[in-house]
Amino acid sequence: MSLVTGIILNFRVIKVIFKRYRGLISAHKSVKSVKIWNEIKPLLVKKILILFLRREILFE
């Protein structure tokens, strides 16, 4: 599997994840939710990276 198709697949995954969380974010625009989002964001990035790396390993 090429890197490009891997990246395209990952963007689909990222879109799904962000659609789920965007509802929560737009529902609360308070300072508290910003703090929560700042805690969630690094976890999301980490999860996405792990998914990406796993896919790359699987398809190599």
PDB file of N, CA and C in Angstrom:
ATOM      1  N   MET A   1       0.845  -1.196   0.000  1.00  0.00           N
ATOM      2  CA  MET A   1       0.000   0.000   0.000  1.00  0.00           C
ATOM      3  C   MET A   1       0.880   1.245   0.000  1.00  0.00           C
ATOM      4  N   SER A   2       0.523   2.175  -0.841  1.00  0.00           N
ATOM      5  CA  SER A   2       1.337   3.383  -0.930  1.00  0.00           C
ATOM      6  C   SER A   2       1.039   4.319   0.233  1.00  0.00           C
ATOM      7  N   LEU A   3       1.970   5.214   0.461  1.00  0.00           N
ATOM      8  CA  LEU A   3       1.843   6.184   1.545  1.00  0.00           C
ATOM      9  C   LEU A   3       0.644   7.095   1.315  1.00  0.00           C
ATOM     10  N   VAL A   4       0.413   7.466   0.052  1.00  0.00           N
ATOM     11  CA  VAL A   4      -0.676   8.394  -0.282  1.00  0.00           C
ATOM     12  C   VAL A   4      -2.029   7.811   0.097  1.00  0.00           C
ATOM     13  N   THR A   5      -2.287   6.554  -0.279  1.00  0.00           N
ATOM     14  CA  THR A   5      -3.579   5.943   0.053  1.00  0.00           C
ATOM     15  C   THR A   5      -3.716   5.768   1.561  1.00  0.00           C
ATOM     16  N   GLY A   6      -2.600   5.517   2.230  1.00  0.00           N
ATOM     17  CA  GLY A   6      -2.616   5.428   3.692  1.00  0.00           C
ATOM     18  C   GLY A   6      -3.033   6.738   4.315  1.00  0.00           C
ATOM     19  N   ILE A   7      -2.482   7.825   3.788  1.00  0.00           N
ATOM     20  CA  ILE A   7      -2.808   9.157   4.305  1.00  0.00           C
ATOM     21  C   ILE A   7      -4.271   9.480   4.034  1.00  0.00           C
ATOM     22  N   ILE A   8      -4.757   9.143   2.831  1.00  0.00           N
ATOM     23  CA  ILE A   8      -6.161   9.406   2.491  1.00  0.00           C
ATOM     24  C   ILE A   8      -7.087   8.648   3.440  1.00  0.00           C
ATOM     25  N   LEU A   9      -6.788   7.389   3.706  1.00  0.00           N
ATOM     26  CA  LEU A   9      -7.582   6.594   4.648  1.00  0.00           C
ATOM     27  C   LEU A   9      -7.575   7.228   6.027  1.00  0.00           C
ATOM     28  N   ASN A  10      -6.413   7.705   6.447  1.00  0.00           N
ATOM     29  CA  ASN A  10      -6.304   8.326   7.758  1.00  0.00           C
ATOM     30  C   ASN A  10      -7.095   9.616   7.847  1.00  0.00           C
ATOM     31  N   PHE A  11      -7.168  10.373   6.754  1.00  0.00           N
ATOM     32  CA  PHE A  11      -7.967  11.592   6.783  1.00  0.00           C
ATOM     33  C   PHE A  11      -9.439  11.264   6.989  1.00  0.00           C
ATOM     34  N   ARG A  12      -9.890  10.148   6.440  1.00  0.00           N
ATOM     35  CA  ARG A  12     -11.275   9.709   6.674  1.00  0.00           C
ATOM     36  C   ARG A  12     -11.498   9.421   8.151  1.00  0.00           C
ATOM     37  N   VAL A  13     -10.545   8.728   8.756  1.00  0.00           N
ATOM     38  CA  VAL A  13     -10.632   8.401  10.181  1.00  0.00           C
ATOM     39  C   VAL A  13     -10.646   9.683  11.001  1.00  0.00           C
ATOM     40  N   ILE A  14      -9.746  10.609  10.664  1.00  0.00           N
ATOM     41  CA  ILE A  14      -9.651  11.885  11.379  1.00  0.00           C
ATOM     42  C   ILE A  14     -10.965  12.647  11.261  1.00  0.00           C
ATOM     43  N   LYS A  15     -11.554  12.666  10.059  1.00  0.00           N
ATOM     44  CA  LYS A  15     -12.832  13.356   9.852  1.00  0.00           C
ATOM     45  C   LYS A  15     -13.903  12.795  10.771  1.00  0.00           C
ATOM     46  N   VAL A  16     -13.986  11.477  10.850  1.00  0.00           N
ATOM     47  CA  VAL A  16     -14.991  10.823  11.698  1.00  0.00           C
ATOM     48  C   VAL A  16     -14.787  11.219  13.155  1.00  0.00           C
ATOM     49  N   ILE A  17     -13.531  11.156  13.609  1.00  0.00           N
ATOM     50  CA  ILE A  17     -13.217  11.508  14.994  1.00  0.00           C
ATOM     51  C   ILE A  17     -13.604  12.952  15.267  1.00  0.00           C
ATOM     52  N   PHE A  18     -13.241  13.865  14.362  1.00  0.00           N
ATOM     53  CA  PHE A  18     -13.532  15.279  14.587  1.00  0.00           C
ATOM     54  C   PHE A  18     -15.014  15.582  14.512  1.00  0.00           C
ATOM     55  N   LYS A  19     -15.756  14.858  13.664  1.00  0.00           N
ATOM     56  CA  LYS A  19     -17.203  15.058  13.610  1.00  0.00           C
ATOM     57  C   LYS A  19     -17.832  14.699  14.949  1.00  0.00           C
ATOM     58  N   ARG A  20     -17.341  13.641  15.569  1.00  0.00           N
ATOM     59  CA  ARG A  20     -17.864  13.230  16.877  1.00  0.00           C
ATOM     60  C   ARG A  20     -17.587  14.281  17.932  1.00  0.00           C
ATOM     61  N   TYR A  21     -16.356  14.792  17.921  1.00  0.00           N
ATOM     62  CA  TYR A  21     -15.960  15.732  18.964  1.00  0.00           C
ATOM     63  C   TYR A  21     -16.407  17.155  18.681  1.00  0.00           C
ATOM     64  N   ARG A  22     -16.640  17.491  17.403  1.00  0.00           N
ATOM     65  CA  ARG A  22     -17.036  18.851  17.047  1.00  0.00           C
ATOM     66  C   ARG A  22     -18.383  19.209  17.667  1.00  0.00           C
ATOM     67  N   GLY A  23     -19.282  18.240  17.721  1.00  0.00           N
ATOM     68  CA  GLY A  23     -20.574  18.461  18.361  1.00  0.00           C
ATOM     69  C   GLY A  23     -20.412  18.867  19.813  1.00  0.00           C
ATOM     70  N   LEU A  24     -19.517  18.186  20.510  1.00  0.00           N
ATOM     71  CA  LEU A  24     -19.250  18.502  21.910  1.00  0.00           C
ATOM     72  C   LEU A  24     -18.628  19.879  22.045  1.00  0.00           C
ATOM     73  N   ILE A  25     -17.709  20.202  21.120  1.00  0.00           N
ATOM     74  CA  ILE A  25     -16.994  21.468  21.201  1.00  0.00           C
ATOM     75  C   ILE A  25     -17.939  22.631  20.914  1.00  0.00           C
ATOM     76  N   SER A  26     -18.767  22.515  19.869  1.00  0.00           N
ATOM     77  CA  SER A  26     -19.660  23.612  19.506  1.00  0.00           C
ATOM     78  C   SER A  26     -20.772  23.785  20.541  1.00  0.00           C
ATOM     79  N   ALA A  27     -21.112  22.703  21.234  1.00  0.00           N
ATOM     80  CA  ALA A  27     -22.157  22.778  22.261  1.00  0.00           C
ATOM     81  C   ALA A  27     -21.695  23.604  23.460  1.00  0.00           C
ATOM     82  N   HIS A  28     -20.411  23.529  23.773  1.00  0.00           N
ATOM     83  CA  HIS A  28     -19.871  24.275  24.910  1.00  0.00           C
ATOM     84  C   HIS A  28     -18.696  25.119  24.445  1.00  0.00           C
ATOM     85  N   LYS A  29     -18.876  26.429  24.457  1.00  0.00           N
ATOM     86  CA  LYS A  29     -17.769  27.315  24.084  1.00  0.00           C
ATOM     87  C   LYS A  29     -17.232  28.036  25.322  1.00  0.00           C
ATOM     88  N   SER A  30     -17.436  27.430  26.467  1.00  0.00           N
ATOM     89  CA  SER A  30     -16.990  28.058  27.709  1.00  0.00           C
ATOM     90  C   SER A  30     -15.509  27.792  27.950  1.00  0.00           C
ATOM     91  N   VAL A  31     -14.966  28.463  28.944  1.00  0.00           N
ATOM     92  CA  VAL A  31     -13.554  28.302  29.298  1.00  0.00           C
ATOM     93  C   VAL A  31     -13.284  26.866  29.720  1.00  0.00           C
ATOM     94  N   LYS A  32     -14.235  26.289  30.452  1.00  0.00           N
ATOM     95  CA  LYS A  32     -14.081  24.920  30.935  1.00  0.00           C
ATOM     96  C   LYS A  32     -13.906  23.954  29.766  1.00  0.00           C
ATOM     97  N   SER A  33     -14.745  24.108  28.740  1.00  0.00           N
ATOM     98  CA  SER A  33     -14.658  23.199  27.596  1.00  0.00           C
ATOM     99  C   SER A  33     -13.358  23.396  26.822  1.00  0.00           C
ATOM    100  N   VAL A  34     -12.857  24.630  26.809  1.00  0.00           N
ATOM    101  CA  VAL A  34     -11.568  24.885  26.159  1.00  0.00           C
ATOM    102  C   VAL A  34     -10.470  24.127  26.888  1.00  0.00           C
ATOM    103  N   LYS A  35     -10.527  24.146  28.212  1.00  0.00           N
ATOM    104  CA  LYS A  35      -9.550  23.390  29.011  1.00  0.00           C
ATOM    105  C   LYS A  35      -9.656  21.897  28.707  1.00  0.00           C
ATOM    106  N   ILE A  36     -10.884  21.396  28.650  1.00  0.00           N
ATOM    107  CA  ILE A  36     -11.103  19.977  28.353  1.00  0.00           C
ATOM    108  C   ILE A  36     -10.572  19.656  26.960  1.00  0.00           C
ATOM    109  N   TRP A  37     -10.882  20.527  25.981  1.00  0.00           N
ATOM    110  CA  TRP A  37     -10.423  20.319  24.605  1.00  0.00           C
ATOM    111  C   TRP A  37      -8.904  20.282  24.547  1.00  0.00           C
ATOM    112  N   ASN A  38      -8.252  21.167  25.311  1.00  0.00           N
ATOM    113  CA  ASN A  38      -6.786  21.184  25.339  1.00  0.00           C
ATOM    114  C   ASN A  38      -6.222  19.897  25.921  1.00  0.00           C
ATOM    115  N   GLU A  39      -6.997  19.228  26.763  1.00  0.00           N
ATOM    116  CA  GLU A  39      -6.576  17.930  27.298  1.00  0.00           C
ATOM    117  C   GLU A  39      -6.860  16.807  26.299  1.00  0.00           C
ATOM    118  N   ILE A  40      -7.978  16.912  25.587  1.00  0.00           N
ATOM    119  CA  ILE A  40      -8.376  15.870  24.639  1.00  0.00           C
ATOM    120  C   ILE A  40      -7.503  15.897  23.388  1.00  0.00           C
ATOM    121  N   LYS A  41      -7.180  17.108  22.920  1.00  0.00           N
ATOM    122  CA  LYS A  41      -6.468  17.252  21.643  1.00  0.00           C
ATOM    123  C   LYS A  41      -5.180  16.445  21.561  1.00  0.00           C
ATOM    124  N   PRO A  42      -4.276  16.529  22.560  1.00  0.00           N
ATOM    125  CA  PRO A  42      -3.055  15.714  22.468  1.00  0.00           C
ATOM    126  C   PRO A  42      -3.357  14.220  22.428  1.00  0.00           C
ATOM    127  N   LEU A  43      -4.393  13.800  23.137  1.00  0.00           N
ATOM    128  CA  LEU A  43      -4.780  12.387  23.117  1.00  0.00           C
ATOM    129  C   LEU A  43      -5.264  11.980  21.731  1.00  0.00           C
ATOM    130  N   LEU A  44      -6.050  12.857  21.099  1.00  0.00           N
ATOM    131  CA  LEU A  44      -6.528  12.583  19.741  1.00  0.00           C
ATOM    132  C   LEU A  44      -5.365  12.472  18.774  1.00  0.00           C
ATOM    133  N   VAL A  45      -4.446  13.422  18.880  1.00  0.00           N
ATOM    134  CA  VAL A  45      -3.281  13.413  17.992  1.00  0.00           C
ATOM    135  C   VAL A  45      -2.499  12.124  18.178  1.00  0.00           C
ATOM    136  N   LYS A  46      -2.322  11.733  19.442  1.00  0.00           N
ATOM    137  CA  LYS A  46      -1.582  10.503  19.745  1.00  0.00           C
ATOM    138  C   LYS A  46      -2.303   9.292  19.149  1.00  0.00           C
ATOM    139  N   LYS A  47      -3.632   9.235  19.322  1.00  0.00           N
ATOM    140  CA  LYS A  47      -4.418   8.121  18.785  1.00  0.00           C
ATOM    141  C   LYS A  47      -4.315   8.050  17.276  1.00  0.00           C
ATOM    142  N   ILE A  48      -4.409   9.213  16.630  1.00  0.00           N
ATOM    143  CA  ILE A  48      -4.331   9.269  15.171  1.00  0.00           C
ATOM    144  C   ILE A  48      -2.966   8.786  14.703  1.00  0.00           C
ATOM    145  N   LEU A  49      -1.912   9.227  15.378  1.00  0.00           N
ATOM    146  CA  LEU A  49      -0.557   8.794  15.019  1.00  0.00           C
ATOM    147  C   LEU A  49      -0.408   7.287  15.188  1.00  0.00           C
ATOM    148  N   ILE A  50      -0.953   6.757  16.277  1.00  0.00           N
ATOM    149  CA  ILE A  50      -0.871   5.310  16.529  1.00  0.00           C
ATOM    150  C   ILE A  50      -1.611   4.552  15.427  1.00  0.00           C
ATOM    151  N   LEU A  51      -2.820   5.026  15.079  1.00  0.00           N
ATOM    152  CA  LEU A  51      -3.591   4.400  13.997  1.00  0.00           C
ATOM    153  C   LEU A  51      -2.804   4.422  12.700  1.00  0.00           C
ATOM    154  N   PHE A  52      -2.210   5.572  12.411  1.00  0.00           N
ATOM    155  CA  PHE A  52      -1.448   5.745  11.179  1.00  0.00           C
ATOM    156  C   PHE A  52      -0.270   4.784  11.137  1.00  0.00           C
ATOM    157  N   LEU A  53       0.474   4.709  12.231  1.00  0.00           N
ATOM    158  CA  LEU A  53       1.640   3.831  12.291  1.00  0.00           C
ATOM    159  C   LEU A  53       1.230   2.369  12.170  1.00  0.00           C
ATOM    160  N   ARG A  54       0.146   1.999  12.837  1.00  0.00           N
ATOM    161  CA  ARG A  54      -0.359   0.624  12.764  1.00  0.00           C
ATOM    162  C   ARG A  54      -0.711   0.251  11.335  1.00  0.00           C
ATOM    163  N   ARG A  55      -1.419   1.164  10.659  1.00  0.00           N
ATOM    164  CA  ARG A  55      -1.802   0.929   9.260  1.00  0.00           C
ATOM    165  C   ARG A  55      -0.574   0.746   8.394  1.00  0.00           C
ATOM    166  N   GLU A  56       0.403   1.622   8.582  1.00  0.00           N
ATOM    167  CA  GLU A  56       1.628   1.552   7.772  1.00  0.00           C
ATOM    168  C   GLU A  56       2.315   0.203   7.970  1.00  0.00           C
ATOM    169  N   ILE A  57       2.349  -0.272   9.217  1.00  0.00           N
ATOM    170  CA  ILE A  57       2.989  -1.555   9.524  1.00  0.00           C
ATOM    171  C   ILE A  57       2.190  -2.697   8.886  1.00  0.00           C
ATOM    172  N   LEU A  58       0.856  -2.629   8.992  1.00  0.00           N
ATOM    173  CA  LEU A  58       0.007  -3.687   8.447  1.00  0.00           C
ATOM    174  C   LEU A  58       0.131  -3.811   6.932  1.00  0.00           C
ATOM    175  N   PHE A  59       0.211  -2.675   6.253  1.00  0.00           N
ATOM    176  CA  PHE A  59       0.174  -2.701   4.791  1.00  0.00           C
ATOM    177  C   PHE A  59       1.547  -2.771   4.136  1.00  0.00           C
ATOM    178  N   GLU A  60       2.599  -2.716   4.932  1.00  0.00           N
ATOM    179  CA  GLU A  60       3.958  -2.787   4.349  1.00  0.00           C
ATOM    180  C   GLU A  60       4.211  -4.186   3.826  1.00  0.00           C
TER     181      GLU A  60
END
